[in-house]
Amino acid sequence: MPEPFLCTKQAARRLHLSPATLERMRVRGDGPPFLRVSQTRIVYDCEMLDAWARSRRCTSTSERAA
């Protein structure tokens, strides 16, 4: 059974992003939703990652990202 939560490195790999890019998006508030399970531990719910990625679907390169 697959893990329901991913660390930053695993989530970045799933989204085809670098971990640093995902971290910057988290700081800016324009990345996928995450859970802070402790002061230093951030995880991403796989379903939320997939929903966030689907919400950024475009039909043209001239469309602005959400």
PDB file of N, CA and C in Angstrom:
ATOM      1  N   MET A   1       0.847  -1.181   0.000  1.00  0.00           N
ATOM      2  CA  MET A   1       0.000   0.000   0.000  1.00  0.00           C
ATOM      3  C   MET A   1       0.898   1.253   0.000  1.00  0.00           C
ATOM      4  N   PRO A   2       0.668   2.180  -0.916  1.00  0.00           N
ATOM      5  CA  PRO A   2       1.516   3.374  -0.994  1.00  0.00           C
ATOM      6  C   PRO A   2       1.314   4.296   0.219  1.00  0.00           C
ATOM      7  N   GLU A   3       2.358   5.048   0.514  1.00  0.00           N
ATOM      8  CA  GLU A   3       2.309   6.009   1.617  1.00  0.00           C
ATOM      9  C   GLU A   3       1.345   7.146   1.263  1.00  0.00           C
ATOM     10  N   PRO A   4       0.481   7.562   2.206  1.00  0.00           N
ATOM     11  CA  PRO A   4      -0.438   8.662   1.912  1.00  0.00           C
ATOM     12  C   PRO A   4       0.234  10.034   2.008  1.00  0.00           C
ATOM     13  N   PHE A   5       1.387  10.099   2.690  1.00  0.00           N
ATOM     14  CA  PHE A   5       2.086  11.370   2.869  1.00  0.00           C
ATOM     15  C   PHE A   5       3.510  11.268   2.346  1.00  0.00           C
ATOM     16  N   LEU A   6       3.981  12.371   1.772  1.00  0.00           N
ATOM     17  CA  LEU A   6       5.327  12.425   1.204  1.00  0.00           C
ATOM     18  C   LEU A   6       6.113  13.557   1.833  1.00  0.00           C
ATOM     19  N   CYS A   7       7.415  13.357   2.012  1.00  0.00           N
ATOM     20  CA  CYS A   7       8.285  14.446   2.458  1.00  0.00           C
ATOM     21  C   CYS A   7       8.497  15.397   1.271  1.00  0.00           C
ATOM     22  N   THR A   8       9.145  16.512   1.508  1.00  0.00           N
ATOM     23  CA  THR A   8       9.350  17.519   0.462  1.00  0.00           C
ATOM     24  C   THR A   8      10.072  16.933  -0.747  1.00  0.00           C
ATOM     25  N   LYS A   9      11.112  16.166  -0.499  1.00  0.00           N
ATOM     26  CA  LYS A   9      11.890  15.586  -1.603  1.00  0.00           C
ATOM     27  C   LYS A   9      11.027  14.642  -2.442  1.00  0.00           C
ATOM     28  N   GLN A  10      10.233  13.807  -1.800  1.00  0.00           N
ATOM     29  CA  GLN A  10       9.367  12.878  -2.520  1.00  0.00           C
ATOM     30  C   GLN A  10       8.258  13.624  -3.276  1.00  0.00           C
ATOM     31  N   ALA A  11       7.679  14.639  -2.633  1.00  0.00           N
ATOM     32  CA  ALA A  11       6.622  15.423  -3.276  1.00  0.00           C
ATOM     33  C   ALA A  11       7.164  16.159  -4.494  1.00  0.00           C
ATOM     34  N   ALA A  12       8.358  16.715  -4.365  1.00  0.00           N
ATOM     35  CA  ALA A  12       8.973  17.417  -5.492  1.00  0.00           C
ATOM     36  C   ALA A  12       9.195  16.452  -6.655  1.00  0.00           C
ATOM     37  N   ARG A  13       9.662  15.269  -6.357  1.00  0.00           N
ATOM     38  CA  ARG A  13       9.878  14.257  -7.401  1.00  0.00           C
ATOM     39  C   ARG A  13       8.549  13.909  -8.079  1.00  0.00           C
ATOM     40  N   ARG A  14       7.489  13.782  -7.307  1.00  0.00           N
ATOM     41  CA  ARG A  14       6.164  13.441  -7.857  1.00  0.00           C
ATOM     42  C   ARG A  14       5.666  14.535  -8.804  1.00  0.00           C
ATOM     43  N   LEU A  15       5.989  15.803  -8.490  1.00  0.00           N
ATOM     44  CA  LEU A  15       5.547  16.938  -9.310  1.00  0.00           C
ATOM     45  C   LEU A  15       6.564  17.326 -10.379  1.00  0.00           C
ATOM     46  N   HIS A  16       7.679  16.615 -10.445  1.00  0.00           N
ATOM     47  CA  HIS A  16       8.757  16.917 -11.393  1.00  0.00           C
ATOM     48  C   HIS A  16       9.325  18.314 -11.160  1.00  0.00           C
ATOM     49  N   LEU A  17       9.497  18.651  -9.876  1.00  0.00           N
ATOM     50  CA  LEU A  17      10.105  19.913  -9.462  1.00  0.00           C
ATOM     51  C   LEU A  17      11.322  19.604  -8.605  1.00  0.00           C
ATOM     52  N   SER A  18      12.174  20.589  -8.401  1.00  0.00           N
ATOM     53  CA  SER A  18      13.268  20.402  -7.452  1.00  0.00           C
ATOM     54  C   SER A  18      12.723  20.657  -6.047  1.00  0.00           C
ATOM     55  N   PRO A  19      13.324  20.049  -5.045  1.00  0.00           N
ATOM     56  CA  PRO A  19      12.899  20.335  -3.671  1.00  0.00           C
ATOM     57  C   PRO A  19      12.991  21.826  -3.337  1.00  0.00           C
ATOM     58  N   ALA A  20      14.021  22.497  -3.846  1.00  0.00           N
ATOM     59  CA  ALA A  20      14.184  23.935  -3.581  1.00  0.00           C
ATOM     60  C   ALA A  20      13.022  24.733  -4.172  1.00  0.00           C
ATOM     61  N   THR A  21      12.577  24.375  -5.363  1.00  0.00           N
ATOM     62  CA  THR A  21      11.437  25.060  -5.975  1.00  0.00           C
ATOM     63  C   THR A  21      10.186  24.851  -5.136  1.00  0.00           C
ATOM     64  N   LEU A  22       9.956  23.634  -4.687  1.00  0.00           N
ATOM     65  CA  LEU A  22       8.784  23.354  -3.857  1.00  0.00           C
ATOM     66  C   LEU A  22       8.858  24.122  -2.539  1.00  0.00           C
ATOM     67  N   GLU A  23      10.046  24.230  -1.958  1.00  0.00           N
ATOM     68  CA  GLU A  23      10.219  25.001  -0.720  1.00  0.00           C
ATOM     69  C   GLU A  23       9.926  26.482  -0.953  1.00  0.00           C
ATOM     70  N   ARG A  24      10.416  27.042  -2.060  1.00  0.00           N
ATOM     71  CA  ARG A  24      10.147  28.454  -2.371  1.00  0.00           C
ATOM     72  C   ARG A  24       8.649  28.681  -2.569  1.00  0.00           C
ATOM     73  N   MET A  25       7.995  27.764  -3.237  1.00  0.00           N
ATOM     74  CA  MET A  25       6.547  27.885  -3.453  1.00  0.00           C
ATOM     75  C   MET A  25       5.811  27.846  -2.112  1.00  0.00           C
ATOM     76  N   ARG A  26       6.297  27.028  -1.199  1.00  0.00           N
ATOM     77  CA  ARG A  26       5.675  26.938   0.126  1.00  0.00           C
ATOM     78  C   ARG A  26       5.822  28.256   0.875  1.00  0.00           C
ATOM     79  N   VAL A  27       6.987  28.880   0.794  1.00  0.00           N
ATOM     80  CA  VAL A  27       7.224  30.166   1.463  1.00  0.00           C
ATOM     81  C   VAL A  27       6.343  31.261   0.860  1.00  0.00           C
ATOM     82  N   ARG A  28       6.225  31.273  -0.468  1.00  0.00           N
ATOM     83  CA  ARG A  28       5.417  32.288  -1.148  1.00  0.00           C
ATOM     84  C   ARG A  28       3.927  32.039  -1.003  1.00  0.00           C
ATOM     85  N   GLY A  29       3.549  30.800  -0.710  1.00  0.00           N
ATOM     86  CA  GLY A  29       2.137  30.466  -0.566  1.00  0.00           C
ATOM     87  C   GLY A  29       1.454  30.105  -1.869  1.00  0.00           C
ATOM     88  N   ASP A  30       2.221  29.841  -2.923  1.00  0.00           N
ATOM     89  CA  ASP A  30       1.596  29.496  -4.202  1.00  0.00           C
ATOM     90  C   ASP A  30       1.822  28.035  -4.594  1.00  0.00           C
ATOM     91  N   GLY A  31       2.260  27.240  -3.653  1.00  0.00           N
ATOM     92  CA  GLY A  31       2.478  25.819  -3.906  1.00  0.00           C
ATOM     93  C   GLY A  31       1.317  24.981  -3.416  1.00  0.00           C
ATOM     94  N   PRO A  32       1.497  23.683  -3.471  1.00  0.00           N
ATOM     95  CA  PRO A  32       0.436  22.791  -3.004  1.00  0.00           C
ATOM     96  C   PRO A  32       0.274  22.869  -1.493  1.00  0.00           C
ATOM     97  N   PRO A  33      -0.915  22.553  -0.980  1.00  0.00           N
ATOM     98  CA  PRO A  33      -1.132  22.548   0.471  1.00  0.00           C
ATOM     99  C   PRO A  33      -0.224  21.515   1.135  1.00  0.00           C
ATOM    100  N   PHE A  34       0.184  21.820   2.352  1.00  0.00           N
ATOM    101  CA  PHE A  34       1.069  20.908   3.087  1.00  0.00           C
ATOM    102  C   PHE A  34       0.605  20.810   4.527  1.00  0.00           C
ATOM    103  N   LEU A  35       1.148  19.843   5.234  1.00  0.00           N
ATOM    104  CA  LEU A  35       0.841  19.667   6.650  1.00  0.00           C
ATOM    105  C   LEU A  35       2.134  19.818   7.439  1.00  0.00           C
ATOM    106  N   ARG A  36       2.071  20.598   8.492  1.00  0.00           N
ATOM    107  CA  ARG A  36       3.224  20.740   9.388  1.00  0.00           C
ATOM    108  C   ARG A  36       2.948  19.808  10.565  1.00  0.00           C
ATOM    109  N   VAL A  37       3.661  18.693  10.614  1.00  0.00           N
ATOM    110  CA  VAL A  37       3.410  17.699  11.653  1.00  0.00           C
ATOM    111  C   VAL A  37       4.277  17.919  12.889  1.00  0.00           C
ATOM    112  N   SER A  38       5.289  18.759  12.767  1.00  0.00           N
ATOM    113  CA  SER A  38       6.095  19.191  13.910  1.00  0.00           C
ATOM    114  C   SER A  38       6.773  20.491  13.509  1.00  0.00           C
ATOM    115  N   GLN A  39       7.565  21.039  14.385  1.00  0.00           N
ATOM    116  CA  GLN A  39       8.236  22.315  14.094  1.00  0.00           C
ATOM    117  C   GLN A  39       9.114  22.232  12.848  1.00  0.00           C
ATOM    118  N   THR A  40       9.688  21.067  12.602  1.00  0.00           N
ATOM    119  CA  THR A  40      10.620  20.928  11.482  1.00  0.00           C
ATOM    120  C   THR A  40      10.159  19.942  10.409  1.00  0.00           C
ATOM    121  N   ARG A  41       9.046  19.288  10.597  1.00  0.00           N
ATOM    122  CA  ARG A  41       8.602  18.238   9.668  1.00  0.00           C
ATOM    123  C   ARG A  41       7.393  18.699   8.866  1.00  0.00           C
ATOM    124  N   ILE A  42       7.587  18.754   7.544  1.00  0.00           N
ATOM    125  CA  ILE A  42       6.535  19.115   6.594  1.00  0.00           C
ATOM    126  C   ILE A  42       6.248  17.884   5.749  1.00  0.00           C
ATOM    127  N   VAL A  43       4.973  17.571   5.550  1.00  0.00           N
ATOM    128  CA  VAL A  43       4.596  16.478   4.659  1.00  0.00           C
ATOM    129  C   VAL A  43       3.489  16.952   3.729  1.00  0.00           C
ATOM    130  N   TYR A  44       3.349  16.245   2.636  1.00  0.00           N
ATOM    131  CA  TYR A  44       2.329  16.537   1.637  1.00  0.00           C
ATOM    132  C   TYR A  44       1.433  15.325   1.478  1.00  0.00           C
ATOM    133  N   ASP A  45       0.135  15.551   1.469  1.00  0.00           N
ATOM    134  CA  ASP A  45      -0.847  14.503   1.236  1.00  0.00           C
ATOM    135  C   ASP A  45      -0.888  14.235  -0.274  1.00  0.00           C
ATOM    136  N   CYS A  46      -0.734  12.987  -0.675  1.00  0.00           N
ATOM    137  CA  CYS A  46      -0.697  12.633  -2.099  1.00  0.00           C
ATOM    138  C   CYS A  46      -1.945  13.101  -2.851  1.00  0.00           C
ATOM    139  N   GLU A  47      -3.109  12.940  -2.241  1.00  0.00           N
ATOM    140  CA  GLU A  47      -4.350  13.367  -2.897  1.00  0.00           C
ATOM    141  C   GLU A  47      -4.376  14.876  -3.100  1.00  0.00           C
ATOM    142  N   MET A  48      -3.876  15.621  -2.105  1.00  0.00           N
ATOM    143  CA  MET A  48      -3.842  17.082  -2.223  1.00  0.00           C
ATOM    144  C   MET A  48      -2.835  17.513  -3.292  1.00  0.00           C
ATOM    145  N   LEU A  49      -1.710  16.816  -3.387  1.00  0.00           N
ATOM    146  CA  LEU A  49      -0.728  17.123  -4.432  1.00  0.00           C
ATOM    147  C   LEU A  49      -1.343  16.936  -5.810  1.00  0.00           C
ATOM    148  N   ASP A  50      -2.022  15.809  -5.986  1.00  0.00           N
ATOM    149  CA  ASP A  50      -2.624  15.524  -7.286  1.00  0.00           C
ATOM    150  C   ASP A  50      -3.715  16.536  -7.630  1.00  0.00           C
ATOM    151  N   ALA A  51      -4.531  16.904  -6.643  1.00  0.00           N
ATOM    152  CA  ALA A  51      -5.590  17.895  -6.881  1.00  0.00           C
ATOM    153  C   ALA A  51      -4.988  19.251  -7.229  1.00  0.00           C
ATOM    154  N   TRP A  52      -3.926  19.639  -6.531  1.00  0.00           N
ATOM    155  CA  TRP A  52      -3.265  20.915  -6.815  1.00  0.00           C
ATOM    156  C   TRP A  52      -2.703  20.904  -8.244  1.00  0.00           C
ATOM    157  N   ALA A  53      -2.054  19.809  -8.622  1.00  0.00           N
ATOM    158  CA  ALA A  53      -1.487  19.719  -9.971  1.00  0.00           C
ATOM    159  C   ALA A  53      -2.597  19.807 -11.023  1.00  0.00           C
ATOM    160  N   ARG A  54      -3.709  19.107 -10.800  1.00  0.00           N
ATOM    161  CA  ARG A  54      -4.825  19.163 -11.751  1.00  0.00           C
ATOM    162  C   ARG A  54      -5.421  20.574 -11.840  1.00  0.00           C
ATOM    163  N   SER A  55      -5.406  21.312 -10.734  1.00  0.00           N
ATOM    164  CA  SER A  55      -5.980  22.661 -10.735  1.00  0.00           C
ATOM    165  C   SER A  55      -5.157  23.635 -11.574  1.00  0.00           C
ATOM    166  N   ARG A  56      -3.944  23.268 -11.902  1.00  0.00           N
ATOM    167  CA  ARG A  56      -3.055  24.129 -12.688  1.00  0.00           C
ATOM    168  C   ARG A  56      -3.080  23.767 -14.175  1.00  0.00           C
ATOM    169  N   ARG A  57      -4.032  22.948 -14.571  1.00  0.00           N
ATOM    170  CA  ARG A  57      -4.160  22.514 -15.964  1.00  0.00           C
ATOM    171  C   ARG A  57      -4.443  23.719 -16.860  1.00  0.00           C
ATOM    172  N   CYS A  58      -3.771  23.783 -17.981  1.00  0.00           N
ATOM    173  CA  CYS A  58      -3.949  24.867 -18.954  1.00  0.00           C
ATOM    174  C   CYS A  58      -4.229  24.260 -20.322  1.00  0.00           C
ATOM    175  N   THR A  59      -4.813  25.059 -21.193  1.00  0.00           N
ATOM    176  CA  THR A  59      -5.060  24.609 -22.559  1.00  0.00           C
ATOM    177  C   THR A  59      -4.233  25.397 -23.568  1.00  0.00           C
ATOM    178  N   SER A  60      -3.498  26.401 -23.087  1.00  0.00           N
ATOM    179  CA  SER A  60      -2.685  27.229 -23.960  1.00  0.00           C
ATOM    180  C   SER A  60      -1.480  27.740 -23.189  1.00  0.00           C
ATOM    181  N   THR A  61      -0.356  27.916 -23.861  1.00  0.00           N
ATOM    182  CA  THR A  61       0.825  28.448 -23.178  1.00  0.00           C
ATOM    183  C   THR A  61       0.666  29.927 -22.822  1.00  0.00           C
ATOM    184  N   SER A  62      -0.322  30.586 -23.407  1.00  0.00           N
ATOM    185  CA  SER A  62      -0.542  31.995 -23.086  1.00  0.00           C
ATOM    186  C   SER A  62      -1.384  32.174 -21.816  1.00  0.00           C
ATOM    187  N   GLU A  63      -1.946  31.085 -21.300  1.00  0.00           N
ATOM    188  CA  GLU A  63      -2.711  31.172 -20.046  1.00  0.00           C
ATOM    189  C   GLU A  63      -1.754  31.390 -18.878  1.00  0.00           C
ATOM    190  N   ARG A  64      -2.186  32.194 -17.920  1.00  0.00           N
ATOM    191  CA  ARG A  64      -1.393  32.394 -16.721  1.00  0.00           C
ATOM    192  C   ARG A  64      -1.670  31.258 -15.752  1.00  0.00           C
ATOM    193  N   ALA A  65      -0.615  30.829 -15.077  1.00  0.00           N
ATOM    194  CA  ALA A  65      -0.763  29.762 -14.078  1.00  0.00           C
ATOM    195  C   ALA A  65      -1.591  30.288 -12.906  1.00  0.00           C
ATOM    196  N   ALA A  66      -2.329  29.389 -12.284  1.00  0.00           N
ATOM    197  CA  ALA A  66      -3.174  29.773 -11.141  1.00  0.00           C
ATOM    198  C   ALA A  66      -2.331  30.264  -9.981  1.00  0.00           C
TER     199      ALA A  66
END
